[in-house]
Amino acid sequence: MRIINKMQKIKHKTKISFNKGFTIIEALVVLSIFSIILVTFYSTFTLGTRYIIDAKNRLGAISLANQKMEIVRNLQYDDIGTLTGVPQGVLDDDYYENVNAVSYHVKTDISFIDDVFDGTEGADVVATDYKTVRISILWGDEAASRQVFLLSDFVPPGIETNIGGGTLRVNVIDTPANGLSDVAVNISSASNGINISTSTDSSGTVLRPGMPAGDDYVISVSKENYESITTLPLSPDSDYDPVADQNASIIEGSLNIKSIIIDLLADINITAEDFFGNPIPNISFNLNGGRLVGNNISEGMPGSLEYNYNEDLSTDSSGEINIDNVSPGFYVFTLPDEIEGYEFYEMIPNDDIDSDTFVVDPGSDIDVKAILLDESFDSLFVSVSDISSGTAIEGAKVHLTNNLLGYDISLIADKFGKVYFPQDETPLVKDSYELSVSADGFNDNNSTISIDGLNMSYIQLTPQ
């Protein structure tokens, strides 16, 4: 009996001890809840701290902008200007200043304003009616959310006077002639000691009265996701004549207009394939095109057209290559002379005029195929052209036969005057074949050709 009672007590104690503990699942649940609370608190704390720091930096930027504007207000009217700007004055236009361990980027843009009250752009004898001052303060990554600016106008004491010079109007547009706002514009003239950085207004225009006369005004324009352009002088001051984007000139007392076209950048994805769609890896090639720079006469007249993209490239192991952020325009694909094993056939798509040329539209992401012919594959390429003009003969009938092999196939030449035998992945049999080419208005051409690898035949037809 005593033994039984003792066992019952032990059992009872064991049961009580078990009920006072936590299971592993309960512990994991508590730990998970605690982790979620901790992460949420940390994220909120971090975000709040960042907002506090940004607000503090913004207040510091506003205070600094007010200080700089107060300095301008205490200057004589004739001194209100930048060291390398128009109007010229005593202020620095671009520098950094540290305030409370924060580096602020200070930009000062001062320009003359031609007020509409007394006429503008030629109707007003004095185009330099008053000055407007814009002081911008940027910090951090200088994004739109991390900058402030102040604007203020300053009028001359007494009657306005003509300081001379001409008015420069820069229009920045895209190909459809839409004005582009917020384009960064730099205007410089070495002969006049001018270097102005500004941006276009809502209509894509920069208007600068009072610019000293000169013919060496270099204008650079840039905007995110758009082409960046810098004008160039004519020969002999450059290698180009003519130049697509020529430097601006200022004529005394005149309105001088300079229009610059920039378009959205594009991406090109090129795949090298054989005639049957099989990828070809590690193909070297040259790609030339994009925006026209000018006619390069560095090696003498008549010169050659030069574009802003000219690169030697190579496809990867999958036969592909991606080229990002290039100017829109015409591009030419060229295989180097030293490449072995392949001949060029055509680009898909192409510009309908040249088989090696394709068009890239502004802002597009275009997929292009470079079709190449394998020199080791028993096949026949035929090009048909007019012997008198050299132009391709579209629609020419190309007839290939071998009576012993029972081969009898006719193909119609494409817009480039080309055909290719065979039309599937079964190679031609190594042998001699009869080739007959005919076209309306031309005399027929008959010849015997041999197939052993790729045969490249160029047939010229004589007009009747």
Protein backbone atom coordinates (compact mmCIF):
# COMPACT_ATOMS: atom_id res chain seq x y z
CA MET A 1 0.00 0.00 0.00
CA ARG A 2 2.82 2.39 0.88
CA ILE A 3 4.53 1.61 -2.41
CA ILE A 4 1.32 2.32 -4.37
CA ASN A 5 0.80 5.64 -2.60
CA LYS A 6 4.37 6.65 -3.30
CA MET A 7 3.99 5.82 -7.03
CA GLN A 8 0.81 7.86 -7.21
CA LYS A 9 2.58 10.84 -5.65
CA ILE A 10 5.43 10.55 -8.14
CA LYS A 11 2.96 10.33 -11.02
CA HIS A 12 1.04 13.32 -9.71
CA LYS A 13 4.20 15.38 -9.41
CA THR A 14 5.28 14.49 -12.92
CA LYS A 15 1.94 15.60 -14.34
CA ILE A 16 2.05 18.94 -12.57
CA SER A 17 5.61 19.61 -13.79
CA PHE A 18 4.57 18.98 -17.42
CA ASN A 19 1.64 21.40 -17.29
CA LYS A 20 3.84 24.30 -16.15
CA GLY A 21 6.16 24.22 -19.28
CA PHE A 22 5.88 25.51 -22.94
CA THR A 23 5.73 23.37 -26.02
CA ILE A 24 8.18 24.02 -28.89
CA ILE A 25 5.29 25.20 -31.09
CA GLU A 26 4.21 27.73 -28.48
CA ALA A 27 7.76 29.01 -28.17
CA LEU A 28 8.11 29.36 -31.96
CA VAL A 29 4.81 31.25 -32.21
CA VAL A 30 5.90 33.69 -29.49
CA LEU A 31 9.29 34.14 -31.17
CA SER A 32 7.65 34.77 -34.57
CA ILE A 33 5.29 37.39 -33.15
CA PHE A 34 8.17 39.09 -31.37
CA SER A 35 10.25 39.10 -34.58
CA ILE A 36 7.40 40.65 -36.59
CA ILE A 37 6.91 43.37 -33.99
CA LEU A 38 10.65 44.05 -33.85
CA VAL A 39 11.05 44.26 -37.65
CA THR A 40 8.01 46.53 -37.97
CA PHE A 41 9.31 48.82 -35.26
CA TYR A 42 12.77 48.95 -36.81
CA SER A 43 11.38 49.71 -40.31
CA THR A 44 9.13 52.45 -38.93
CA PHE A 45 11.98 53.90 -36.92
CA THR A 46 14.34 53.87 -39.92
CA LEU A 47 11.76 55.46 -42.22
CA GLY A 48 10.91 58.10 -39.65
CA THR A 49 14.58 58.91 -39.14
CA ARG A 50 15.08 59.32 -42.89
CA TYR A 51 12.11 61.69 -43.14
CA ILE A 52 13.43 63.72 -40.23
CA ILE A 53 16.87 63.99 -41.85
CA ASP A 54 15.36 64.99 -45.23
CA ALA A 55 13.16 67.61 -43.56
CA LYS A 56 16.17 69.00 -41.70
CA ASN A 57 18.22 69.14 -44.92
CA ARG A 58 15.34 70.85 -46.74
CA LEU A 59 15.09 73.52 -44.06
CA GLY A 60 18.84 74.04 -44.31
CA ALA A 61 18.56 74.36 -48.11
CA ILE A 62 15.75 76.92 -47.86
CA SER A 63 17.75 78.94 -45.34
CA LEU A 64 20.84 78.83 -47.57
CA ALA A 65 18.81 79.89 -50.63
CA ASN A 66 17.43 82.87 -48.73
CA GLN A 67 20.95 83.85 -47.66
CA LYS A 68 22.21 83.73 -51.25
CA MET A 69 19.23 85.72 -52.53
CA GLU A 70 19.77 88.34 -49.82
CA ILE A 71 23.35 88.73 -51.07
CA VAL A 72 22.00 89.39 -54.57
CA ARG A 73 19.53 91.98 -53.26
CA ASN A 74 22.39 93.96 -51.76
CA LEU A 75 24.35 94.15 -55.02
CA GLN A 76 24.34 97.05 -57.46
CA TYR A 77 22.17 96.27 -60.52
CA ASP A 78 25.18 96.20 -62.86
CA ASP A 79 26.91 93.64 -60.59
CA ILE A 80 23.99 91.18 -60.66
CA GLY A 81 25.27 88.47 -62.96
CA THR A 82 27.56 85.45 -63.00
CA LEU A 83 31.27 85.40 -63.75
CA THR A 84 30.85 83.48 -67.03
CA GLY A 85 27.22 84.28 -67.84
CA VAL A 86 25.09 86.89 -69.53
CA PRO A 87 24.61 89.26 -67.82
CA GLN A 88 28.12 89.10 -66.44
CA GLY A 89 28.63 90.03 -62.80
CA VAL A 90 30.35 89.06 -59.56
CA LEU A 91 28.52 85.84 -58.63
CA ASP A 92 29.73 82.26 -59.02
CA ASP A 93 27.19 80.18 -60.92
CA ASP A 94 28.05 76.65 -59.66
CA TYR A 95 29.74 75.59 -56.41
CA TYR A 96 29.35 73.50 -53.25
CA GLU A 97 28.95 74.74 -49.68
CA ASN A 98 28.95 72.73 -46.44
CA VAL A 99 26.37 73.65 -43.80
CA ASN A 100 26.01 71.56 -40.61
CA ALA A 101 27.94 68.65 -42.15
CA VAL A 102 25.68 68.64 -45.23
CA SER A 103 27.14 69.36 -48.68
CA TYR A 104 24.81 71.62 -50.66
CA HIS A 105 25.13 72.21 -54.41
CA VAL A 106 24.48 75.89 -55.15
CA LYS A 107 23.47 76.86 -58.71
CA THR A 108 22.83 80.45 -59.75
CA ASP A 109 21.16 81.23 -63.07
CA ILE A 110 20.73 84.89 -64.04
CA SER A 111 19.27 86.07 -67.33
CA PHE A 112 17.86 89.17 -68.97
CA ILE A 113 14.10 89.26 -69.54
CA ASP A 114 12.44 90.93 -72.51
CA ASP A 115 9.13 92.06 -71.02
CA VAL A 116 6.01 91.67 -73.16
CA PHE A 117 4.79 95.10 -72.00
CA ASP A 118 6.96 96.92 -74.53
CA GLY A 119 7.18 94.19 -77.16
CA THR A 120 9.46 91.17 -77.61
CA GLU A 121 11.72 89.44 -80.16
CA GLY A 122 12.48 92.30 -82.51
CA ALA A 123 9.56 94.59 -81.71
CA ASP A 124 11.43 95.90 -78.65
CA VAL A 125 14.49 98.04 -79.32
CA VAL A 126 15.84 97.24 -75.84
CA ALA A 127 15.44 93.49 -75.18
CA THR A 128 17.22 93.60 -71.81
CA ASP A 129 14.34 95.05 -69.76
CA TYR A 130 15.25 93.50 -66.39
CA LYS A 131 17.04 90.54 -64.79
CA THR A 132 15.63 87.38 -63.23
CA VAL A 133 17.66 85.40 -60.70
CA ARG A 134 17.10 81.72 -59.93
CA ILE A 135 19.05 80.19 -57.04
CA SER A 136 18.81 76.40 -56.78
CA ILE A 137 20.06 74.40 -53.79
CA LEU A 138 20.50 70.64 -54.21
CA TRP A 139 21.73 67.95 -51.82
CA GLY A 140 22.15 64.18 -51.57
CA ASP A 141 21.44 62.47 -54.87
CA GLU A 142 20.09 65.79 -56.23
CA ALA A 143 16.79 64.18 -57.22
CA ALA A 144 13.74 66.38 -57.73
CA SER A 145 12.68 65.73 -54.12
CA ARG A 146 16.06 66.96 -52.84
CA GLN A 147 16.25 70.46 -54.27
CA VAL A 148 14.69 73.85 -53.67
CA PHE A 149 14.89 77.11 -55.59
CA LEU A 150 14.04 80.80 -55.24
CA LEU A 151 13.15 83.21 -58.05
CA SER A 152 13.38 86.99 -57.94
CA ASP A 153 13.29 89.81 -60.51
CA PHE A 154 15.56 92.85 -60.43
CA VAL A 155 14.84 96.05 -62.37
CA PRO A 156 17.40 98.69 -63.32
CA PRO A 157 17.43 102.02 -61.49
CA GLY A 158 15.83 104.53 -63.85
CA ILE A 159 15.22 104.06 -67.58
CA GLU A 160 16.27 100.80 -69.27
CA THR A 161 19.39 101.06 -71.41
CA ASN A 162 20.56 99.04 -74.39
CA ILE A 163 23.66 97.06 -73.41
CA GLY A 164 24.10 95.75 -76.96
CA GLY A 165 24.42 92.17 -78.14
CA GLY A 166 21.74 89.99 -79.65
CA THR A 167 19.06 87.62 -78.42
CA LEU A 168 19.69 83.87 -78.52
CA ARG A 169 16.69 81.58 -78.69
CA VAL A 170 17.37 77.85 -78.30
CA ASN A 171 14.51 75.52 -79.20
CA VAL A 172 14.87 71.88 -78.11
CA ILE A 173 12.34 69.63 -79.82
CA ASP A 174 11.85 65.98 -80.75
CA THR A 175 11.32 64.65 -84.28
CA PRO A 176 7.53 65.32 -84.25
CA ALA A 177 8.46 68.95 -83.33
CA ASN A 178 7.20 68.77 -79.73
CA GLY A 179 8.99 71.19 -77.40
CA LEU A 180 10.86 69.36 -74.61
CA SER A 181 10.76 70.90 -71.14
CA ASP A 182 13.42 70.60 -68.40
CA VAL A 183 16.23 69.88 -70.85
CA ALA A 184 19.63 70.78 -69.42
CA VAL A 185 21.23 73.38 -71.72
CA ASN A 186 24.80 74.68 -71.58
CA ILE A 187 25.81 77.70 -73.67
CA SER A 188 29.48 78.61 -73.95
CA SER A 189 31.64 80.96 -76.00
CA ALA A 190 35.41 80.89 -75.59
CA SER A 191 35.90 84.24 -77.33
CA ASN A 192 33.42 85.98 -74.99
CA GLY A 193 34.31 84.07 -71.80
CA ILE A 194 30.73 82.80 -71.45
CA ASN A 195 29.57 79.55 -69.85
CA ILE A 196 25.87 79.38 -68.95
CA SER A 197 24.00 76.35 -67.58
CA THR A 198 20.22 76.54 -67.64
CA SER A 199 17.18 74.49 -68.72
CA THR A 200 14.32 74.79 -71.18
CA ASP A 201 10.90 76.09 -70.16
CA SER A 202 7.57 74.30 -70.62
CA SER A 203 7.66 74.99 -74.38
CA GLY A 204 11.21 73.67 -74.81
CA THR A 205 12.79 77.13 -75.17
CA VAL A 206 15.71 79.04 -73.67
CA LEU A 207 15.63 82.80 -74.38
CA ARG A 208 18.76 84.84 -73.63
CA PRO A 209 18.80 88.56 -74.54
CA GLY A 210 22.00 90.60 -74.37
CA MET A 211 24.36 87.91 -75.68
CA PRO A 212 27.62 89.33 -77.11
CA ALA A 213 28.13 88.89 -80.85
CA GLY A 214 30.19 85.86 -81.90
CA ASP A 215 30.19 82.72 -84.05
CA ASP A 216 31.62 80.20 -81.58
CA TYR A 217 28.65 79.50 -79.33
CA VAL A 218 28.77 75.83 -78.35
CA ILE A 219 25.42 74.48 -77.17
CA SER A 220 25.06 71.19 -75.28
CA VAL A 221 21.68 69.67 -74.44
CA SER A 222 20.81 66.60 -72.36
CA LYS A 223 17.75 65.04 -70.76
CA GLU A 224 17.28 61.70 -69.02
CA ASN A 225 16.47 58.89 -71.48
CA TYR A 226 17.13 61.27 -74.43
CA GLU A 227 20.10 61.85 -76.70
CA SER A 228 22.86 64.15 -75.44
CA ILE A 229 24.05 66.54 -78.14
CA THR A 230 26.92 69.05 -78.37
CA THR A 231 27.20 71.34 -81.39
CA LEU A 232 30.42 71.50 -83.43
CA PRO A 233 32.20 74.12 -85.54
CA LEU A 234 32.76 73.79 -89.27
CA SER A 235 36.06 72.81 -90.86
CA PRO A 236 38.90 73.76 -90.35
CA ASP A 237 38.00 74.00 -86.65
CA SER A 238 36.65 70.44 -86.82
CA ASP A 239 36.85 67.45 -89.18
CA TYR A 240 33.32 68.00 -90.47
CA ASP A 241 31.82 70.00 -93.33
CA PRO A 242 28.90 70.27 -93.18
CA VAL A 243 28.01 69.58 -89.56
CA ALA A 244 24.59 68.23 -88.60
CA ASP A 245 24.52 70.20 -85.33
CA GLN A 246 26.50 73.37 -85.99
CA ASN A 247 27.57 75.95 -83.41
CA ALA A 248 25.30 78.97 -82.99
CA SER A 249 26.16 82.52 -84.03
CA ILE A 250 25.00 85.75 -82.41
CA ILE A 251 24.48 88.83 -84.60
CA GLU A 252 24.32 92.20 -82.89
CA GLY A 253 20.78 93.53 -82.52
CA SER A 254 19.16 90.39 -84.01
CA LEU A 255 17.05 87.48 -82.80
CA ASN A 256 19.23 84.41 -83.36
CA ILE A 257 17.34 81.09 -83.33
CA LYS A 258 19.00 77.71 -82.84
CA SER A 259 16.84 74.58 -83.00
CA ILE A 260 18.15 71.23 -81.80
CA ILE A 261 16.31 67.93 -82.23
CA ILE A 262 16.81 65.17 -79.66
CA ASP A 263 14.84 61.94 -79.39
CA LEU A 264 14.30 59.17 -76.88
CA LEU A 265 17.10 56.62 -76.70
CA ALA A 266 16.42 53.09 -77.94
CA ASP A 267 17.55 49.49 -77.28
CA ILE A 268 18.66 47.02 -79.96
CA ASN A 269 18.62 43.23 -79.54
CA ILE A 270 20.51 41.41 -82.32
CA THR A 271 20.41 37.65 -82.91
CA ALA A 272 22.71 35.96 -85.45
CA GLU A 273 20.96 33.04 -87.21
CA ASP A 274 21.44 30.84 -90.25
CA PHE A 275 18.87 30.78 -93.05
CA PHE A 276 16.81 28.19 -91.16
CA GLY A 277 16.64 30.04 -87.82
CA ASN A 278 19.43 28.26 -85.96
CA PRO A 279 21.43 30.63 -83.68
CA ILE A 280 25.08 31.25 -84.53
CA PRO A 281 27.30 31.97 -81.49
CA ASN A 282 30.32 34.27 -81.20
CA ILE A 283 29.91 36.18 -84.47
CA SER A 284 32.02 39.34 -84.74
CA PHE A 285 30.52 42.28 -86.63
CA ASN A 286 30.48 46.07 -86.92
CA LEU A 287 27.41 48.18 -86.22
CA ASN A 288 27.39 51.73 -87.58
CA GLY A 289 24.59 54.28 -87.45
CA GLY A 290 22.39 56.36 -85.18
CA ARG A 291 22.57 60.15 -85.26
CA LEU A 292 24.41 61.86 -88.11
CA VAL A 293 27.42 63.86 -86.86
CA GLY A 294 28.47 65.28 -90.21
CA ASN A 295 30.55 64.76 -93.32
CA ASN A 296 34.05 63.78 -92.18
CA ILE A 297 36.68 65.34 -94.46
CA SER A 298 39.73 64.51 -92.33
CA GLU A 299 41.05 62.34 -95.18
CA GLY A 300 40.10 64.81 -97.91
CA MET A 301 37.06 65.58 -100.02
CA PRO A 302 34.41 64.44 -100.73
CA GLY A 303 34.55 62.91 -97.26
CA SER A 304 32.27 60.31 -95.70
CA LEU A 305 29.20 60.53 -93.51
CA GLU A 306 29.93 59.83 -89.85
CA TYR A 307 27.40 58.74 -87.24
CA ASN A 308 27.54 58.80 -83.44
CA TYR A 309 27.61 54.98 -83.11
CA ASN A 310 30.34 52.85 -84.69
CA GLU A 311 31.34 49.80 -82.68
CA ASP A 312 32.93 46.39 -83.28
CA LEU A 313 30.79 43.85 -81.42
CA SER A 314 30.28 40.10 -81.02
CA THR A 315 27.32 37.89 -80.22
CA ASP A 316 27.45 35.68 -77.11
CA SER A 317 27.33 31.88 -76.87
CA SER A 318 23.59 32.03 -77.66
CA GLY A 319 24.11 34.12 -80.76
CA GLU A 320 22.65 37.23 -79.12
CA ILE A 321 23.76 40.71 -78.07
CA ASN A 322 21.81 43.55 -76.43
CA ILE A 323 22.80 47.17 -77.11
CA ASP A 324 21.11 49.71 -74.83
CA ASN A 325 20.61 53.48 -74.92
CA VAL A 326 21.54 54.29 -78.51
CA SER A 327 20.31 57.08 -80.76
CA PRO A 328 17.46 56.27 -83.13
CA GLY A 329 18.16 56.21 -86.85
CA PHE A 330 19.54 53.92 -89.55
CA TYR A 331 22.02 51.19 -88.58
CA VAL A 332 24.25 49.11 -90.88
CA PHE A 333 25.39 45.57 -89.96
CA THR A 334 28.72 44.53 -91.49
CA LEU A 335 30.71 41.31 -91.21
CA PRO A 336 34.48 41.95 -91.11
CA ASP A 337 36.53 40.81 -94.12
CA GLU A 338 38.60 38.46 -91.97
CA ILE A 339 35.65 36.45 -90.69
CA GLU A 340 35.58 32.88 -92.00
CA GLY A 341 32.79 30.37 -92.33
CA TYR A 342 29.84 32.69 -93.02
CA GLU A 343 28.49 35.10 -95.63
CA PHE A 344 25.96 37.85 -94.90
CA TYR A 345 22.43 37.39 -96.33
CA GLU A 346 20.08 40.03 -94.84
CA MET A 347 18.74 41.79 -91.75
CA ILE A 348 15.20 41.10 -90.57
CA PRO A 349 13.61 43.62 -90.45
CA ASN A 350 15.42 45.88 -92.92
CA ASP A 351 14.79 49.31 -94.39
CA ASP A 352 13.53 47.93 -97.78
CA ILE A 353 16.41 49.64 -99.60
CA ASP A 354 19.53 47.86 -98.35
CA SER A 355 19.51 44.33 -96.94
CA ASP A 356 22.19 45.19 -94.35
CA THR A 357 20.36 48.26 -92.96
CA PHE A 358 17.57 48.52 -90.39
CA VAL A 359 15.73 51.42 -88.75
CA VAL A 360 15.51 52.10 -85.02
CA ASP A 361 12.62 54.33 -83.92
CA PRO A 362 12.86 56.71 -80.94
CA GLY A 363 12.16 55.00 -77.61
CA SER A 364 11.87 51.55 -79.21
CA ASP A 365 13.15 48.17 -78.02
CA ILE A 366 13.73 46.44 -81.34
CA ASP A 367 14.56 42.78 -82.04
CA VAL A 368 16.68 42.29 -85.16
CA LYS A 369 17.94 39.12 -86.84
CA ALA A 370 21.17 38.96 -88.83
CA ILE A 371 20.76 36.09 -91.31
CA LEU A 372 24.07 34.48 -92.28
CA LEU A 373 24.87 31.69 -94.74
CA ASP A 374 27.10 28.79 -93.69
CA GLU A 375 29.95 28.35 -96.19
CA SER A 376 30.28 24.63 -95.35
CA PHE A 377 26.61 23.92 -96.14
CA ASP A 378 26.03 22.69 -99.72
CA SER A 379 23.80 25.47 -101.05
CA LEU A 380 23.39 28.21 -103.66
CA PHE A 381 22.99 31.97 -103.23
CA VAL A 382 21.94 33.93 -106.32
CA SER A 383 21.86 37.73 -106.67
CA VAL A 384 20.15 39.16 -109.77
CA SER A 385 20.78 42.73 -110.96
CA ASP A 386 20.54 45.01 -114.01
CA ILE A 387 23.90 45.10 -115.80
CA SER A 388 23.37 48.70 -116.91
CA SER A 389 22.35 50.24 -113.58
CA GLY A 390 23.42 47.69 -111.01
CA THR A 391 19.99 47.78 -109.36
CA ALA A 392 18.46 44.60 -108.01
CA ILE A 393 15.76 42.94 -110.11
CA GLU A 394 12.85 42.04 -107.87
CA GLY A 395 10.62 39.27 -109.20
CA ALA A 396 13.26 37.62 -111.39
CA LYS A 397 12.66 33.88 -111.87
CA VAL A 398 15.60 31.68 -110.83
CA HIS A 399 15.35 28.08 -112.06
CA LEU A 400 17.79 25.42 -110.75
CA THR A 401 17.77 21.93 -112.28
CA ASN A 402 19.69 18.63 -112.28
CA ASN A 403 17.95 16.00 -114.43
CA LEU A 404 20.01 13.08 -113.13
CA LEU A 405 19.15 13.93 -109.53
CA GLY A 406 15.55 14.79 -110.38
CA TYR A 407 16.04 18.28 -108.95
CA ASP A 408 13.86 20.99 -110.49
CA ILE A 409 13.13 24.08 -108.33
CA SER A 410 12.17 27.63 -109.29
CA LEU A 411 12.30 30.60 -106.89
CA ILE A 412 11.32 34.26 -107.27
CA ALA A 413 13.91 36.90 -106.35
CA ASP A 414 12.99 39.11 -103.38
CA LYS A 415 13.12 42.94 -103.26
CA PHE A 416 16.92 42.74 -103.11
CA GLY A 417 17.08 40.38 -106.13
CA LYS A 418 18.17 37.43 -103.96
CA VAL A 419 17.24 33.74 -103.70
CA TYR A 420 18.70 30.84 -101.74
CA PHE A 421 18.64 27.10 -102.41
CA PRO A 422 17.60 24.91 -100.58
CA GLN A 423 14.55 26.18 -98.70
CA ASP A 424 14.87 23.58 -95.91
CA GLU A 425 17.75 22.09 -93.92
CA THR A 426 18.40 19.32 -96.47
CA PRO A 427 21.59 20.35 -98.31
CA LEU A 428 21.95 20.19 -102.07
CA VAL A 429 23.79 17.21 -103.47
CA LYS A 430 27.36 17.96 -104.52
CA ASP A 431 27.11 18.06 -108.31
CA SER A 432 26.74 20.30 -111.35
CA TYR A 433 23.42 22.11 -111.92
CA GLU A 434 21.83 24.15 -114.67
CA LEU A 435 20.94 27.69 -113.59
CA SER A 436 18.48 29.76 -115.62
CA VAL A 437 17.52 33.34 -114.72
CA SER A 438 14.80 35.36 -116.48
CA ALA A 439 12.89 38.60 -115.92
CA ASP A 440 10.43 40.73 -117.90
CA GLY A 441 12.24 43.21 -120.14
CA PHE A 442 15.59 41.38 -119.87
CA ASN A 443 17.39 38.71 -121.84
CA ASP A 444 17.60 35.29 -120.18
CA ASN A 445 20.84 34.13 -118.57
CA ASN A 446 21.77 30.43 -118.58
CA SER A 447 24.82 28.90 -116.93
CA THR A 448 26.18 25.75 -115.32
CA ILE A 449 27.23 25.94 -111.69
CA SER A 450 28.88 23.48 -109.29
CA ILE A 451 27.75 22.84 -105.72
CA ASP A 452 30.40 22.01 -103.12
CA GLY A 453 29.74 24.07 -100.03
CA LEU A 454 28.17 27.51 -100.48
CA ASN A 455 28.12 28.79 -104.08
CA MET A 456 27.73 32.59 -104.39
CA SER A 457 26.48 33.48 -107.90
CA TYR A 458 25.98 37.09 -109.03
CA ILE A 459 23.91 37.23 -112.21
CA GLN A 460 23.61 40.43 -114.29
CA LEU A 461 20.81 40.58 -116.84
CA THR A 462 20.97 42.64 -120.02
CA PRO A 463 17.92 44.79 -120.89
CA GLN A 464 16.17 43.80 -124.13
